[in-house]
Amino acid sequence: MSSTPRKRLAVATAAVALGGGLVLPATATAAPAAPAGRSAAGVRVQGTAPACVTRDVIKQKKQVTVRNNCGKTMHVKLVINNGPDGACWTYQHGEGSVWTWKVGSYGKIVTC
């Protein structure tokens, strides 16, 4: 899925406003979205994502590759220990991305 120029501008503006600790996918293949009926600020964490949401963590690079192999749409976010958590992202079956962060260490991937 590709994002519109307006969405990319909004993400870039937010990144500049929030500074270096922001967690954003480095190469996203899924469009950012909060689950239906929830605002981005009001996203609820529901627990650790199931094993069908694969993670490949490279702690030295502060990078995690996430892929949805669940057979259905999943809403997940990256939890960073001692740093800012990522936003809730929506992935269709087979989609994934690489997330990087600057502050803290990998915690887990949770549903939201």
PDB file of N, CA and C in Angstrom:
ATOM      1  N   MET A   1       0.853  -1.168   0.000  1.00  0.00           N
ATOM      2  CA  MET A   1       0.000   0.000   0.000  1.00  0.00           C
ATOM      3  C   MET A   1       0.901   1.233   0.000  1.00  0.00           C
ATOM      4  N   SER A   2       0.588   2.184  -0.784  1.00  0.00           N
ATOM      5  CA  SER A   2       1.382   3.407  -0.772  1.00  0.00           C
ATOM      6  C   SER A   2       0.623   4.488  -0.021  1.00  0.00           C
ATOM      7  N   SER A   3       1.378   5.404   0.576  1.00  0.00           N
ATOM      8  CA  SER A   3       0.727   6.482   1.301  1.00  0.00           C
ATOM      9  C   SER A   3       0.671   7.715   0.417  1.00  0.00           C
ATOM     10  N   THR A   4      -0.275   8.547   0.679  1.00  0.00           N
ATOM     11  CA  THR A   4      -0.449   9.763  -0.099  1.00  0.00           C
ATOM     12  C   THR A   4       0.596  10.788   0.321  1.00  0.00           C
ATOM     13  N   PRO A   5       0.898  11.763  -0.548  1.00  0.00           N
ATOM     14  CA  PRO A   5       1.842  12.817  -0.168  1.00  0.00           C
ATOM     15  C   PRO A   5       1.418  13.543   1.108  1.00  0.00           C
ATOM     16  N   ARG A   6       0.119  13.725   1.307  1.00  0.00           N
ATOM     17  CA  ARG A   6      -0.370  14.412   2.508  1.00  0.00           C
ATOM     18  C   ARG A   6      -0.020  13.617   3.767  1.00  0.00           C
ATOM     19  N   LYS A   7      -0.195  12.276   3.721  1.00  0.00           N
ATOM     20  CA  LYS A   7       0.136  11.432   4.865  1.00  0.00           C
ATOM     21  C   LYS A   7       1.641  11.471   5.137  1.00  0.00           C
ATOM     22  N   ARG A   8       2.448  11.393   4.070  1.00  0.00           N
ATOM     23  CA  ARG A   8       3.904  11.446   4.250  1.00  0.00           C
ATOM     24  C   ARG A   8       4.321  12.769   4.855  1.00  0.00           C
ATOM     25  N   LEU A   9       3.696  13.883   4.413  1.00  0.00           N
ATOM     26  CA  LEU A   9       4.013  15.189   4.966  1.00  0.00           C
ATOM     27  C   LEU A   9       3.646  15.246   6.440  1.00  0.00           C
ATOM     28  N   ALA A  10       2.499  14.679   6.805  1.00  0.00           N
ATOM     29  CA  ALA A  10       2.068  14.682   8.203  1.00  0.00           C
ATOM     30  C   ALA A  10       3.047  13.893   9.069  1.00  0.00           C
ATOM     31  N   VAL A  11       3.500  12.743   8.578  1.00  0.00           N
ATOM     32  CA  VAL A  11       4.451  11.931   9.331  1.00  0.00           C
ATOM     33  C   VAL A  11       5.780  12.669   9.457  1.00  0.00           C
ATOM     34  N   ALA A  12       6.248  13.273   8.386  1.00  0.00           N
ATOM     35  CA  ALA A  12       7.516  14.009   8.420  1.00  0.00           C
ATOM     36  C   ALA A  12       7.429  15.189   9.381  1.00  0.00           C
ATOM     37  N   THR A  13       6.314  15.911   9.356  1.00  0.00           N
ATOM     38  CA  THR A  13       6.132  17.044  10.260  1.00  0.00           C
ATOM     39  C   THR A  13       6.127  16.580  11.703  1.00  0.00           C
ATOM     40  N   ALA A  14       5.450  15.476  11.981  1.00  0.00           N
ATOM     41  CA  ALA A  14       5.414  14.934  13.342  1.00  0.00           C
ATOM     42  C   ALA A  14       6.808  14.517  13.789  1.00  0.00           C
ATOM     43  N   ALA A  15       7.578  13.920  12.894  1.00  0.00           N
ATOM     44  CA  ALA A  15       8.930  13.491  13.238  1.00  0.00           C
ATOM     45  C   ALA A  15       9.808  14.680  13.606  1.00  0.00           C
ATOM     46  N   VAL A  16       9.695  15.765  12.858  1.00  0.00           N
ATOM     47  CA  VAL A  16      10.471  16.963  13.158  1.00  0.00           C
ATOM     48  C   VAL A  16      10.037  17.555  14.494  1.00  0.00           C
ATOM     49  N   ALA A  17       8.736  17.580  14.735  1.00  0.00           N
ATOM     50  CA  ALA A  17       8.211  18.172  15.962  1.00  0.00           C
ATOM     51  C   ALA A  17       8.594  17.364  17.198  1.00  0.00           C
ATOM     52  N   LEU A  18       8.615  16.037  17.082  1.00  0.00           N
ATOM     53  CA  LEU A  18       8.871  15.190  18.239  1.00  0.00           C
ATOM     54  C   LEU A  18      10.346  14.917  18.474  1.00  0.00           C
ATOM     55  N   GLY A  19      11.166  15.088  17.491  1.00  0.00           N
ATOM     56  CA  GLY A  19      12.604  14.917  17.676  1.00  0.00           C
ATOM     57  C   GLY A  19      13.082  13.514  17.397  1.00  0.00           C
ATOM     58  N   GLY A  20      14.324  13.244  17.812  1.00  0.00           N
ATOM     59  CA  GLY A  20      15.045  12.041  17.435  1.00  0.00           C
ATOM     60  C   GLY A  20      14.539  10.740  18.011  1.00  0.00           C
ATOM     61  N   GLY A  21      13.727  10.721  19.055  1.00  0.00           N
ATOM     62  CA  GLY A  21      13.307   9.483  19.664  1.00  0.00           C
ATOM     63  C   GLY A  21      12.106   8.843  19.010  1.00  0.00           C
ATOM     64  N   LEU A  22      11.592   9.407  17.954  1.00  0.00           N
ATOM     65  CA  LEU A  22      10.388   8.909  17.302  1.00  0.00           C
ATOM     66  C   LEU A  22      10.643   7.565  16.647  1.00  0.00           C
ATOM     67  N   VAL A  23       9.720   6.638  16.772  1.00  0.00           N
ATOM     68  CA  VAL A  23       9.833   5.332  16.156  1.00  0.00           C
ATOM     69  C   VAL A  23       8.963   5.323  14.919  1.00  0.00           C
ATOM     70  N   LEU A  24       9.575   5.141  13.769  1.00  0.00           N
ATOM     71  CA  LEU A  24       8.854   5.038  12.514  1.00  0.00           C
ATOM     72  C   LEU A  24       9.454   3.918  11.694  1.00  0.00           C
ATOM     73  N   PRO A  25       8.664   3.227  10.908  1.00  0.00           N
ATOM     74  CA  PRO A  25       9.229   2.212  10.032  1.00  0.00           C
ATOM     75  C   PRO A  25      10.196   2.856   9.047  1.00  0.00           C
ATOM     76  N   ALA A  26      11.334   2.201   8.839  1.00  0.00           N
ATOM     77  CA  ALA A  26      12.307   2.708   7.886  1.00  0.00           C
ATOM     78  C   ALA A  26      11.828   2.457   6.463  1.00  0.00           C
ATOM     79  N   THR A  27      11.241   1.290   6.232  1.00  0.00           N
ATOM     80  CA  THR A  27      10.696   0.965   4.920  1.00  0.00           C
ATOM     81  C   THR A  27       9.347   0.319   5.142  1.00  0.00           C
ATOM     82  N   ALA A  28       8.318   1.099   5.185  1.00  0.00           N
ATOM     83  CA  ALA A  28       6.982   0.585   5.493  1.00  0.00           C
ATOM     84  C   ALA A  28       6.305   0.089   4.232  1.00  0.00           C
ATOM     85  N   THR A  29       5.634  -1.058   4.355  1.00  0.00           N
ATOM     86  CA  THR A  29       4.810  -1.543   3.261  1.00  0.00           C
ATOM     87  C   THR A  29       3.348  -1.484   3.649  1.00  0.00           C
ATOM     88  N   ALA A  30       3.069  -1.007   4.845  1.00  0.00           N
ATOM     89  CA  ALA A  30       1.694  -0.882   5.316  1.00  0.00           C
ATOM     90  C   ALA A  30       1.429   0.566   5.672  1.00  0.00           C
ATOM     91  N   ALA A  31       0.211   0.993   5.461  1.00  0.00           N
ATOM     92  CA  ALA A  31      -0.156   2.370   5.782  1.00  0.00           C
ATOM     93  C   ALA A  31      -0.455   2.498   7.270  1.00  0.00           C
ATOM     94  N   PRO A  32      -0.046   3.601   7.908  1.00  0.00           N
ATOM     95  CA  PRO A  32      -0.336   3.764   9.324  1.00  0.00           C
ATOM     96  C   PRO A  32      -1.826   3.983   9.544  1.00  0.00           C
ATOM     97  N   ALA A  33      -2.332   3.346  10.578  1.00  0.00           N
ATOM     98  CA  ALA A  33      -3.742   3.546  10.886  1.00  0.00           C
ATOM     99  C   ALA A  33      -4.042   3.023  12.271  1.00  0.00           C
ATOM    100  N   ALA A  34      -4.883   3.726  12.959  1.00  0.00           N
ATOM    101  CA  ALA A  34      -5.402   3.213  14.220  1.00  0.00           C
ATOM    102  C   ALA A  34      -6.581   2.313  13.886  1.00  0.00           C
ATOM    103  N   PRO A  35      -6.830   1.290  14.694  1.00  0.00           N
ATOM    104  CA  PRO A  35      -7.983   0.435  14.446  1.00  0.00           C
ATOM    105  C   PRO A  35      -9.281   1.250  14.396  1.00  0.00           C
ATOM    106  N   ALA A  36     -10.249   0.745  13.665  1.00  0.00           N
ATOM    107  CA  ALA A  36     -11.520   1.450  13.505  1.00  0.00           C
ATOM    108  C   ALA A  36     -12.128   1.785  14.855  1.00  0.00           C
ATOM    109  N   GLY A  37     -12.621   3.011  14.977  1.00  0.00           N
ATOM    110  CA  GLY A  37     -13.293   3.415  16.195  1.00  0.00           C
ATOM    111  C   GLY A  37     -12.369   3.924  17.280  1.00  0.00           C
ATOM    112  N   ARG A  38     -11.092   4.053  16.999  1.00  0.00           N
ATOM    113  CA  ARG A  38     -10.147   4.534  18.002  1.00  0.00           C
ATOM    114  C   ARG A  38      -9.299   5.643  17.401  1.00  0.00           C
ATOM    115  N   SER A  39      -9.017   6.651  18.182  1.00  0.00           N
ATOM    116  CA  SER A  39      -8.099   7.691  17.733  1.00  0.00           C
ATOM    117  C   SER A  39      -6.681   7.209  17.957  1.00  0.00           C
ATOM    118  N   ALA A  40      -5.718   7.817  17.263  1.00  0.00           N
ATOM    119  CA  ALA A  40      -4.321   7.419  17.425  1.00  0.00           C
ATOM    120  C   ALA A  40      -3.882   7.580  18.878  1.00  0.00           C
ATOM    121  N   ALA A  41      -4.355   8.624  19.553  1.00  0.00           N
ATOM    122  CA  ALA A  41      -3.966   8.860  20.944  1.00  0.00           C
ATOM    123  C   ALA A  41      -4.656   7.878  21.883  1.00  0.00           C
ATOM    124  N   GLY A  42      -5.804   7.329  21.476  1.00  0.00           N
ATOM    125  CA  GLY A  42      -6.571   6.459  22.341  1.00  0.00           C
ATOM    126  C   GLY A  42      -6.399   4.984  22.038  1.00  0.00           C
ATOM    127  N   VAL A  43      -5.316   4.581  21.395  1.00  0.00           N
ATOM    128  CA  VAL A  43      -5.098   3.186  21.038  1.00  0.00           C
ATOM    129  C   VAL A  43      -4.841   2.370  22.300  1.00  0.00           C
ATOM    130  N   ARG A  44      -5.530   1.254  22.418  1.00  0.00           N
ATOM    131  CA  ARG A  44      -5.351   0.360  23.559  1.00  0.00           C
ATOM    132  C   ARG A  44      -4.429  -0.787  23.177  1.00  0.00           C
ATOM    133  N   VAL A  45      -3.497  -1.094  24.046  1.00  0.00           N
ATOM    134  CA  VAL A  45      -2.637  -2.249  23.852  1.00  0.00           C
ATOM    135  C   VAL A  45      -3.404  -3.461  24.373  1.00  0.00           C
ATOM    136  N   GLN A  46      -3.441  -4.541  23.572  1.00  0.00           N
ATOM    137  CA  GLN A  46      -4.215  -5.716  23.938  1.00  0.00           C
ATOM    138  C   GLN A  46      -3.354  -6.879  24.393  1.00  0.00           C
ATOM    139  N   GLY A  47      -2.065  -6.821  24.252  1.00  0.00           N
ATOM    140  CA  GLY A  47      -1.184  -7.906  24.670  1.00  0.00           C
ATOM    141  C   GLY A  47      -0.156  -8.203  23.600  1.00  0.00           C
ATOM    142  N   THR A  48       0.756  -9.090  23.926  1.00  0.00           N
ATOM    143  CA  THR A  48       1.812  -9.459  22.990  1.00  0.00           C
ATOM    144  C   THR A  48       1.209 -10.020  21.715  1.00  0.00           C
ATOM    145  N   ALA A  49       1.742  -9.599  20.582  1.00  0.00           N
ATOM    146  CA  ALA A  49       1.246 -10.070  19.285  1.00  0.00           C
ATOM    147  C   ALA A  49       1.497 -11.580  19.159  1.00  0.00           C
ATOM    148  N   PRO A  50       0.623 -12.288  18.453  1.00  0.00           N
ATOM    149  CA  PRO A  50       0.794 -13.735  18.308  1.00  0.00           C
ATOM    150  C   PRO A  50       2.037 -14.072  17.483  1.00  0.00           C
ATOM    151  N   ALA A  51       2.442 -15.332  17.554  1.00  0.00           N
ATOM    152  CA  ALA A  51       3.645 -15.786  16.852  1.00  0.00           C
ATOM    153  C   ALA A  51       3.543 -15.643  15.335  1.00  0.00           C
ATOM    154  N   CYS A  52       2.331 -15.573  14.793  1.00  0.00           N
ATOM    155  CA  CYS A  52       2.185 -15.410  13.336  1.00  0.00           C
ATOM    156  C   CYS A  52       2.617 -14.016  12.877  1.00  0.00           C
ATOM    157  N   VAL A  53       2.802 -13.083  13.809  1.00  0.00           N
ATOM    158  CA  VAL A  53       3.428 -11.796  13.504  1.00  0.00           C
ATOM    159  C   VAL A  53       4.911 -12.007  13.812  1.00  0.00           C
ATOM    160  N   THR A  54       5.694 -12.259  12.760  1.00  0.00           N
ATOM    161  CA  THR A  54       7.101 -12.594  12.978  1.00  0.00           C
ATOM    162  C   THR A  54       7.924 -11.349  13.255  1.00  0.00           C
ATOM    163  N   ARG A  55       8.970 -11.530  14.063  1.00  0.00           N
ATOM    164  CA  ARG A  55       9.883 -10.440  14.401  1.00  0.00           C
ATOM    165  C   ARG A  55      11.306 -10.942  14.221  1.00  0.00           C
ATOM    166  N   ASP A  56      12.136 -10.105  13.635  1.00  0.00           N
ATOM    167  CA  ASP A  56      13.565 -10.385  13.531  1.00  0.00           C
ATOM    168  C   ASP A  56      14.276  -9.172  14.115  1.00  0.00           C
ATOM    169  N   VAL A  57      14.786  -9.310  15.328  1.00  0.00           N
ATOM    170  CA  VAL A  57      15.357  -8.184  16.067  1.00  0.00           C
ATOM    171  C   VAL A  57      16.879  -8.184  15.933  1.00  0.00           C
ATOM    172  N   ILE A  58      17.437  -7.029  15.589  1.00  0.00           N
ATOM    173  CA  ILE A  58      18.880  -6.821  15.591  1.00  0.00           C
ATOM    174  C   ILE A  58      19.142  -5.714  16.599  1.00  0.00           C
ATOM    175  N   LYS A  59      19.431  -6.118  17.841  1.00  0.00           N
ATOM    176  CA  LYS A  59      19.545  -5.153  18.939  1.00  0.00           C
ATOM    177  C   LYS A  59      20.665  -4.143  18.722  1.00  0.00           C
ATOM    178  N   GLN A  60      21.796  -4.569  18.145  1.00  0.00           N
ATOM    179  CA  GLN A  60      22.915  -3.662  17.940  1.00  0.00           C
ATOM    180  C   GLN A  60      22.565  -2.527  16.978  1.00  0.00           C
ATOM    181  N   LYS A  61      21.695  -2.799  16.018  1.00  0.00           N
ATOM    182  CA  LYS A  61      21.270  -1.781  15.043  1.00  0.00           C
ATOM    183  C   LYS A  61      20.006  -1.054  15.488  1.00  0.00           C
ATOM    184  N   LYS A  62      19.410  -1.492  16.621  1.00  0.00           N
ATOM    185  CA  LYS A  62      18.117  -0.957  17.068  1.00  0.00           C
ATOM    186  C   LYS A  62      17.116  -1.045  15.917  1.00  0.00           C
ATOM    187  N   GLN A  63      16.923  -2.273  15.463  1.00  0.00           N
ATOM    188  CA  GLN A  63      16.082  -2.530  14.293  1.00  0.00           C
ATOM    189  C   GLN A  63      15.293  -3.822  14.485  1.00  0.00           C
ATOM    190  N   VAL A  64      14.043  -3.809  14.050  1.00  0.00           N
ATOM    191  CA  VAL A  64      13.230  -5.020  14.059  1.00  0.00           C
ATOM    192  C   VAL A  64      12.453  -5.086  12.748  1.00  0.00           C
ATOM    193  N   THR A  65      12.453  -6.270  12.147  1.00  0.00           N
ATOM    194  CA  THR A  65      11.662  -6.518  10.946  1.00  0.00           C
ATOM    195  C   THR A  65      10.416  -7.273  11.382  1.00  0.00           C
ATOM    196  N   VAL A  66       9.251  -6.748  11.015  1.00  0.00           N
ATOM    197  CA  VAL A  66       7.966  -7.320  11.416  1.00  0.00           C
ATOM    198  C   VAL A  66       7.214  -7.746  10.151  1.00  0.00           C
ATOM    199  N   ARG A  67       6.574  -8.922  10.185  1.00  0.00           N
ATOM    200  CA  ARG A  67       5.777  -9.386   9.044  1.00  0.00           C
ATOM    201  C   ARG A  67       4.533 -10.078   9.576  1.00  0.00           C
ATOM    202  N   ASN A  68       3.388  -9.778   8.942  1.00  0.00           N
ATOM    203  CA  ASN A  68       2.115 -10.385   9.315  1.00  0.00           C
ATOM    204  C   ASN A  68       1.887 -11.639   8.482  1.00  0.00           C
ATOM    205  N   ASN A  69       1.965 -12.801   9.123  1.00  0.00           N
ATOM    206  CA  ASN A  69       1.687 -14.086   8.474  1.00  0.00           C
ATOM    207  C   ASN A  69       0.447 -14.735   9.073  1.00  0.00           C
ATOM    208  N   CYS A  70      -0.452 -13.920   9.613  1.00  0.00           N
ATOM    209  CA  CYS A  70      -1.604 -14.428  10.365  1.00  0.00           C
ATOM    210  C   CYS A  70      -2.799 -14.825   9.496  1.00  0.00           C
ATOM    211  N   GLY A  71      -2.822 -14.456   8.242  1.00  0.00           N
ATOM    212  CA  GLY A  71      -3.974 -14.777   7.409  1.00  0.00           C
ATOM    213  C   GLY A  71      -5.116 -13.792   7.576  1.00  0.00           C
ATOM    214  N   LYS A  72      -4.912 -12.735   8.342  1.00  0.00           N
ATOM    215  CA  LYS A  72      -5.915 -11.690   8.539  1.00  0.00           C
ATOM    216  C   LYS A  72      -5.191 -10.388   8.852  1.00  0.00           C
ATOM    217  N   THR A  73      -5.911  -9.288   8.813  1.00  0.00           N
ATOM    218  CA  THR A  73      -5.339  -7.986   9.133  1.00  0.00           C
ATOM    219  C   THR A  73      -4.973  -7.934  10.605  1.00  0.00           C
ATOM    220  N   MET A  74      -3.799  -7.383  10.901  1.00  0.00           N
ATOM    221  CA  MET A  74      -3.345  -7.242  12.283  1.00  0.00           C
ATOM    222  C   MET A  74      -2.960  -5.794  12.542  1.00  0.00           C
ATOM    223  N   HIS A  75      -3.216  -5.328  13.759  1.00  0.00           N
ATOM    224  CA  HIS A  75      -2.843  -3.987  14.205  1.00  0.00           C
ATOM    225  C   HIS A  75      -1.792  -4.185  15.293  1.00  0.00           C
ATOM    226  N   VAL A  76      -0.581  -3.721  15.046  1.00  0.00           N
ATOM    227  CA  VAL A  76       0.503  -3.940  16.004  1.00  0.00           C
ATOM    228  C   VAL A  76       1.324  -2.677  16.213  1.00  0.00           C
ATOM    229  N   LYS A  77       2.039  -2.649  17.324  1.00  0.00           N
ATOM    230  CA  LYS A  77       2.955  -1.552  17.606  1.00  0.00           C
ATOM    231  C   LYS A  77       4.187  -2.082  18.307  1.00  0.00           C
ATOM    232  N   LEU A  78       5.259  -1.319  18.201  1.00  0.00           N
ATOM    233  CA  LEU A  78       6.540  -1.656  18.802  1.00  0.00           C
ATOM    234  C   LEU A  78       6.631  -1.012  20.177  1.00  0.00           C
ATOM    235  N   VAL A  79       6.964  -1.809  21.193  1.00  0.00           N
ATOM    236  CA  VAL A  79       7.167  -1.303  22.545  1.00  0.00           C
ATOM    237  C   VAL A  79       8.673  -1.225  22.775  1.00  0.00           C
ATOM    238  N   ILE A  80       9.132  -0.026  23.161  1.00  0.00           N
ATOM    239  CA  ILE A  80      10.550   0.216  23.422  1.00  0.00           C
ATOM    240  C   ILE A  80      10.736   0.378  24.933  1.00  0.00           C
ATOM    241  N   ASN A  81      11.665  -0.385  25.500  1.00  0.00           N
ATOM    242  CA  ASN A  81      12.009  -0.230  26.915  1.00  0.00           C
ATOM    243  C   ASN A  81      12.863   1.023  27.071  1.00  0.00           C
ATOM    244  N   ASN A  82      12.493   1.892  28.015  1.00  0.00           N
ATOM    245  CA  ASN A  82      13.234   3.123  28.296  1.00  0.00           C
ATOM    246  C   ASN A  82      13.309   4.059  27.093  1.00  0.00           C
ATOM    247  N   GLY A  83      12.241   4.077  26.307  1.00  0.00           N
ATOM    248  CA  GLY A  83      12.176   4.963  25.147  1.00  0.00           C
ATOM    249  C   GLY A  83      10.743   5.070  24.675  1.00  0.00           C
ATOM    250  N   PRO A  84      10.503   5.888  23.657  1.00  0.00           N
ATOM    251  CA  PRO A  84       9.139   6.069  23.154  1.00  0.00           C
ATOM    252  C   PRO A  84       8.667   4.864  22.328  1.00  0.00           C
ATOM    253  N   ASP A  85       7.431   4.429  22.577  1.00  0.00           N
ATOM    254  CA  ASP A  85       6.851   3.336  21.805  1.00  0.00           C
ATOM    255  C   ASP A  85       6.465   3.832  20.416  1.00  0.00           C
ATOM    256  N   GLY A  86       6.307   2.902  19.504  1.00  0.00           N
ATOM    257  CA  GLY A  86       5.867   3.228  18.155  1.00  0.00           C
ATOM    258  C   GLY A  86       4.364   3.427  18.122  1.00  0.00           C
ATOM    259  N   ALA A  87       3.892   3.922  16.994  1.00  0.00           N
ATOM    260  CA  ALA A  87       2.458   4.089  16.763  1.00  0.00           C
ATOM    261  C   ALA A  87       1.848   2.739  16.395  1.00  0.00           C
ATOM    262  N   CYS A  88       0.537   2.672  16.434  1.00  0.00           N
ATOM    263  CA  CYS A  88      -0.176   1.472  16.013  1.00  0.00           C
ATOM    264  C   CYS A  88      -0.207   1.441  14.483  1.00  0.00           C
ATOM    265  N   TRP A  89       0.256   0.329  13.888  1.00  0.00           N
ATOM    266  CA  TRP A  89       0.285   0.183  12.434  1.00  0.00           C
ATOM    267  C   TRP A  89      -0.611  -0.973  12.029  1.00  0.00           C
ATOM    268  N   THR A  90      -1.204  -0.864  10.866  1.00  0.00           N
ATOM    269  CA  THR A  90      -2.083  -1.890  10.330  1.00  0.00           C
ATOM    270  C   THR A  90      -1.356  -2.637   9.215  1.00  0.00           C
ATOM    271  N   TYR A  91      -1.345  -3.964   9.309  1.00  0.00           N
ATOM    272  CA  TYR A  91      -0.708  -4.798   8.298  1.00  0.00           C
ATOM    273  C   TYR A  91      -1.718  -5.803   7.767  1.00  0.00           C
ATOM    274  N   GLN A  92      -1.861  -5.861   6.460  1.00  0.00           N
ATOM    275  CA  GLN A  92      -2.646  -6.906   5.819  1.00  0.00           C
ATOM    276  C   GLN A  92      -1.805  -8.183   5.836  1.00  0.00           C
ATOM    277  N   HIS A  93      -2.417  -9.333   5.592  1.00  0.00           N
ATOM    278  CA  HIS A  93      -1.685 -10.596   5.536  1.00  0.00           C
ATOM    279  C   HIS A  93      -0.539 -10.473   4.522  1.00  0.00           C
ATOM    280  N   GLY A  94       0.659 -10.866   4.915  1.00  0.00           N
ATOM    281  CA  GLY A  94       1.821 -10.846   4.029  1.00  0.00           C
ATOM    282  C   GLY A  94       2.613  -9.546   4.037  1.00  0.00           C
ATOM    283  N   GLU A  95       2.065  -8.488   4.625  1.00  0.00           N
ATOM    284  CA  GLU A  95       2.768  -7.217   4.676  1.00  0.00           C
ATOM    285  C   GLU A  95       3.707  -7.164   5.872  1.00  0.00           C
ATOM    286  N   GLY A  96       4.694  -6.286   5.766  1.00  0.00           N
ATOM    287  CA  GLY A  96       5.628  -6.106   6.854  1.00  0.00           C
ATOM    288  C   GLY A  96       6.463  -4.864   6.624  1.00  0.00           C
ATOM    289  N   SER A  97       7.339  -4.579   7.582  1.00  0.00           N
ATOM    290  CA  SER A  97       8.236  -3.437   7.447  1.00  0.00           C
ATOM    291  C   SER A  97       9.396  -3.585   8.407  1.00  0.00           C
ATOM    292  N   VAL A  98      10.357  -2.692   8.250  1.00  0.00           N
ATOM    293  CA  VAL A  98      11.505  -2.625   9.144  1.00  0.00           C
ATOM    294  C   VAL A  98      11.335  -1.379   9.993  1.00  0.00           C
ATOM    295  N   TRP A  99      11.369  -1.545  11.312  1.00  0.00           N
ATOM    296  CA  TRP A  99      11.271  -0.420  12.237  1.00  0.00           C
ATOM    297  C   TRP A  99      12.630  -0.194  12.873  1.00  0.00           C
ATOM    298  N   THR A 100      12.992   1.059  13.039  1.00  0.00           N
ATOM    299  CA  THR A 100      14.216   1.416  13.753  1.00  0.00           C
ATOM    300  C   THR A 100      13.865   2.438  14.827  1.00  0.00           C
ATOM    301  N   TRP A 101      14.729   2.566  15.830  1.00  0.00           N
ATOM    302  CA  TRP A 101      14.528   3.542  16.888  1.00  0.00           C
ATOM    303  C   TRP A 101      15.894   4.039  17.341  1.00  0.00           C
ATOM    304  N   LYS A 102      15.907   5.128  18.088  1.00  0.00           N
ATOM    305  CA  LYS A 102      17.167   5.731  18.518  1.00  0.00           C
ATOM    306  C   LYS A 102      17.426   5.605  20.014  1.00  0.00           C
ATOM    307  N   VAL A 103      16.372   5.650  20.831  1.00  0.00           N
ATOM    308  CA  VAL A 103      16.516   5.676  22.285  1.00  0.00           C
ATOM    309  C   VAL A 103      15.869   4.424  22.878  1.00  0.00           C
ATOM    310  N   GLY A 104      16.545   3.785  23.819  1.00  0.00           N
ATOM    311  CA  GLY A 104      15.978   2.626  24.504  1.00  0.00           C
ATOM    312  C   GLY A 104      16.361   1.324  23.836  1.00  0.00           C
ATOM    313  N   SER A 105      15.671   0.247  24.242  1.00  0.00           N
ATOM    314  CA  SER A 105      15.948  -1.091  23.706  1.00  0.00           C
ATOM    315  C   SER A 105      14.633  -1.783  23.353  1.00  0.00           C
ATOM    316  N   TYR A 106      14.728  -2.790  22.503  1.00  0.00           N
ATOM    317  CA  TYR A 106      13.556  -3.542  22.072  1.00  0.00           C
ATOM    318  C   TYR A 106      12.845  -4.153  23.273  1.00  0.00           C
ATOM    319  N   GLY A 107      11.539  -3.973  23.315  1.00  0.00           N
ATOM    320  CA  GLY A 107      10.713  -4.580  24.360  1.00  0.00           C
ATOM    321  C   GLY A 107       9.930  -5.738  23.800  1.00  0.00           C
ATOM    322  N   LYS A 108       8.941  -5.426  22.953  1.00  0.00           N
ATOM    323  CA  LYS A 108       8.105  -6.460  22.341  1.00  0.00           C
ATOM    324  C   LYS A 108       7.214  -5.821  21.283  1.00  0.00           C
ATOM    325  N   ILE A 109       6.525  -6.674  20.540  1.00  0.00           N
ATOM    326  CA  ILE A 109       5.502  -6.251  19.583  1.00  0.00           C
ATOM    327  C   ILE A 109       4.159  -6.636  20.201  1.00  0.00           C
ATOM    328  N   VAL A 110       3.245  -5.667  20.270  1.00  0.00           N
ATOM    329  CA  VAL A 110       1.941  -5.915  20.873  1.00  0.00           C
ATOM    330  C   VAL A 110       0.831  -5.601  19.881  1.00  0.00           C
ATOM    331  N   THR A 111      -0.348  -6.181  20.115  1.00  0.00           N
ATOM    332  CA  THR A 111      -1.515  -5.824  19.315  1.00  0.00           C
ATOM    333  C   THR A 111      -2.114  -4.537  19.885  1.00  0.00           C
ATOM    334  N   CYS A 112      -2.804  -3.809  19.035  1.00  0.00           N
ATOM    335  CA  CYS A 112      -3.394  -2.550  19.481  1.00  0.00           C
ATOM    336  C   CYS A 112      -4.692  -2.285  18.743  1.00  0.00           C
TER     337      CYS A 112
END
